[in-house]
Protein backbone atom coordinates (compact mmCIF):
# COMPACT_ATOMS: atom_id res chain seq x y z
CA UNK A 1 0.06 0.08 -0.01
CA UNK A 2 1.28 3.51 -0.78
CA UNK A 3 1.38 6.48 1.37
CA UNK A 4 0.24 9.33 -0.96
CA UNK A 5 1.28 12.99 -0.83
CA UNK A 6 0.86 16.33 -2.49
CA UNK A 7 3.99 18.74 -2.95
CA UNK A 8 3.18 22.42 -3.59
CA UNK A 9 5.34 25.51 -3.97
CA UNK A 10 3.97 28.88 -3.01
CA UNK A 11 4.71 31.62 -5.49
CA UNK A 12 5.27 35.37 -4.65
CA UNK A 13 1.72 36.23 -5.44
CA UNK A 14 0.53 33.59 -2.79
CA UNK A 15 -0.68 30.90 -5.41
CA UNK A 16 0.51 27.40 -4.96
CA UNK A 17 1.43 25.07 -7.78
CA UNK A 18 1.04 21.43 -6.45
CA UNK A 19 1.43 17.86 -7.63
CA UNK A 20 0.58 14.34 -6.58
CA UNK A 21 3.36 12.00 -5.37
CA UNK A 22 2.11 8.39 -5.12
CA UNK A 23 4.54 6.57 -2.92
CA UNK A 24 6.48 6.83 0.42
CA UNK A 25 4.59 10.15 1.39
CA UNK A 26 5.27 9.94 5.06
CA UNK A 27 7.75 12.17 6.80
CA UNK A 28 10.43 9.79 7.02
CA UNK A 29 10.32 9.05 3.37
CA UNK A 30 9.27 12.00 1.18
CA UNK A 31 9.72 14.58 3.68
CA UNK A 32 13.37 13.54 4.26
CA UNK A 33 13.73 13.37 0.46
CA UNK A 34 12.61 16.93 0.25
CA UNK A 35 14.66 18.53 2.97
CA UNK A 36 17.81 16.68 1.92
CA UNK A 37 17.60 16.96 -1.67
CA UNK A 38 15.22 19.78 -2.74
CA UNK A 39 16.12 22.49 -0.06
CA UNK A 40 16.32 25.50 -2.47
CA UNK A 41 13.26 27.26 -4.10
CA UNK A 42 14.70 26.35 -7.55
CA UNK A 43 15.08 22.66 -6.81
CA UNK A 44 11.51 22.59 -5.35
CA UNK A 45 10.12 24.49 -8.34
CA UNK A 46 12.00 21.97 -10.63
CA UNK A 47 10.49 19.26 -8.93
CA UNK A 48 6.87 20.61 -9.08
CA UNK A 49 7.05 21.81 -12.53
CA UNK A 50 7.77 18.07 -13.69
CA UNK A 51 4.16 17.06 -12.82
CA UNK A 52 2.66 14.23 -10.75
CA UNK A 53 4.92 11.40 -9.80
CA UNK A 54 5.43 8.04 -8.34
CA UNK A 55 8.08 9.45 -6.32
CA UNK A 56 10.61 12.45 -6.80
CA UNK A 57 12.81 11.73 -9.86
CA UNK A 58 9.97 9.34 -11.18
CA UNK A 59 7.47 11.50 -12.80
CA UNK A 60 4.50 10.10 -14.64
CA UNK A 61 5.44 12.01 -17.79
CA UNK A 62 9.10 10.31 -17.61
CA UNK A 63 7.21 6.89 -17.46
CA UNK A 64 5.31 7.69 -20.80
CA UNK A 65 2.19 9.38 -19.50
CA UNK A 66 0.98 12.75 -21.16
CA UNK A 67 2.02 15.92 -19.26
CA UNK A 68 -1.62 17.26 -19.80
CA UNK A 69 -3.09 14.76 -17.59
CA UNK A 70 -0.21 15.17 -14.93
CA UNK A 71 0.73 18.89 -14.89
CA UNK A 72 0.83 20.79 -11.70
CA UNK A 73 -2.47 22.29 -10.36
CA UNK A 74 -2.90 25.81 -9.15
CA UNK A 75 -4.40 26.60 -5.80
CA UNK A 76 -5.67 30.05 -4.98
CA UNK A 77 -3.41 30.13 -1.79
CA UNK A 78 -1.69 27.84 0.79
CA UNK A 79 -4.98 27.80 2.80
CA UNK A 80 -6.82 26.26 -0.06
CA UNK A 81 -3.73 23.84 -0.62
CA UNK A 82 -4.11 22.81 3.12
CA UNK A 83 -7.57 22.22 3.00
CA UNK A 84 -7.76 19.98 0.08
CA UNK A 85 -6.98 16.11 0.14
CA UNK A 86 -6.74 16.02 3.89
CA UNK A 87 -6.40 12.46 3.92
CA UNK A 88 -2.90 12.81 2.40
CA UNK A 89 0.39 14.44 3.64
CA UNK A 90 0.96 17.89 2.11
CA UNK A 91 4.22 19.52 1.87
CA UNK A 92 4.55 23.10 0.82
CA UNK A 93 7.82 25.00 -0.05
CA UNK A 94 6.86 28.41 1.49
CA UNK A 95 7.69 31.70 -0.17
CA UNK A 96 7.67 33.44 3.35
CA UNK A 97 10.10 31.03 5.05
CA UNK A 98 12.05 29.68 2.06
CA UNK A 99 11.92 26.34 3.54
CA UNK A 100 9.47 23.34 3.57
CA UNK A 101 6.43 23.02 5.84
CA UNK A 102 4.19 19.93 6.06
CA UNK A 103 0.77 18.97 7.22
CA UNK A 104 -0.13 15.20 8.28
CA UNK A 105 -3.18 13.60 7.06
CA UNK A 106 -6.41 14.57 8.75
CA UNK A 107 -5.18 17.81 9.94
CA UNK A 108 -6.11 21.38 8.63
CA UNK A 109 -4.36 24.67 9.22
CA UNK A 110 -1.43 23.41 11.17
CA UNK A 111 1.67 23.90 9.08
CA UNK A 112 4.78 22.62 10.63
CA UNK A 113 8.43 23.21 9.89
CA UNK A 114 9.57 20.10 8.03
CA UNK A 115 13.39 20.21 8.54
CA UNK A 116 12.83 20.24 12.35
CA UNK A 117 10.68 17.20 12.20
CA UNK A 118 12.91 15.24 9.94
CA UNK A 119 15.82 16.07 11.99
CA UNK A 120 14.25 15.12 15.20
CA UNK A 121 13.11 11.72 13.87
CA UNK A 122 16.47 10.97 12.50
CA UNK A 123 18.11 11.71 16.11
CA UNK A 124 15.36 9.39 17.56
CA UNK A 125 16.20 6.75 14.88
CA UNK A 126 19.86 7.10 15.60
CA UNK A 127 19.32 6.72 19.41
CA UNK A 128 17.29 3.51 18.57
CA UNK A 129 19.95 1.87 16.45
CA UNK A 130 22.98 2.61 18.79
């Protein structure tokens, strides 16, 4: 079973372009991938502009599907992005903070700094494995 997520980037005008990611959407998977490999506005934008994906680096378009069916969707603002698809993880590269935020499934209006959570989870995992 896959853990689905939505990945968005907030633009200067407040709109959010967002794409769907099919696999490993939990914080320890996709969240860590975003923090560790897509930590600049440019890299986040390149990820989103590629369209819906199985996982970062595996867009549906690169697997032969049409871009028209997988292009990023535009949300009016971060609030609209947050309240849609609440059964999935949502990740947002914030224009205001220039960093990743996330919202867990089932929550609304509670953006949390992603790097802090990923780093805390990594430290907890290291303690368990030592």
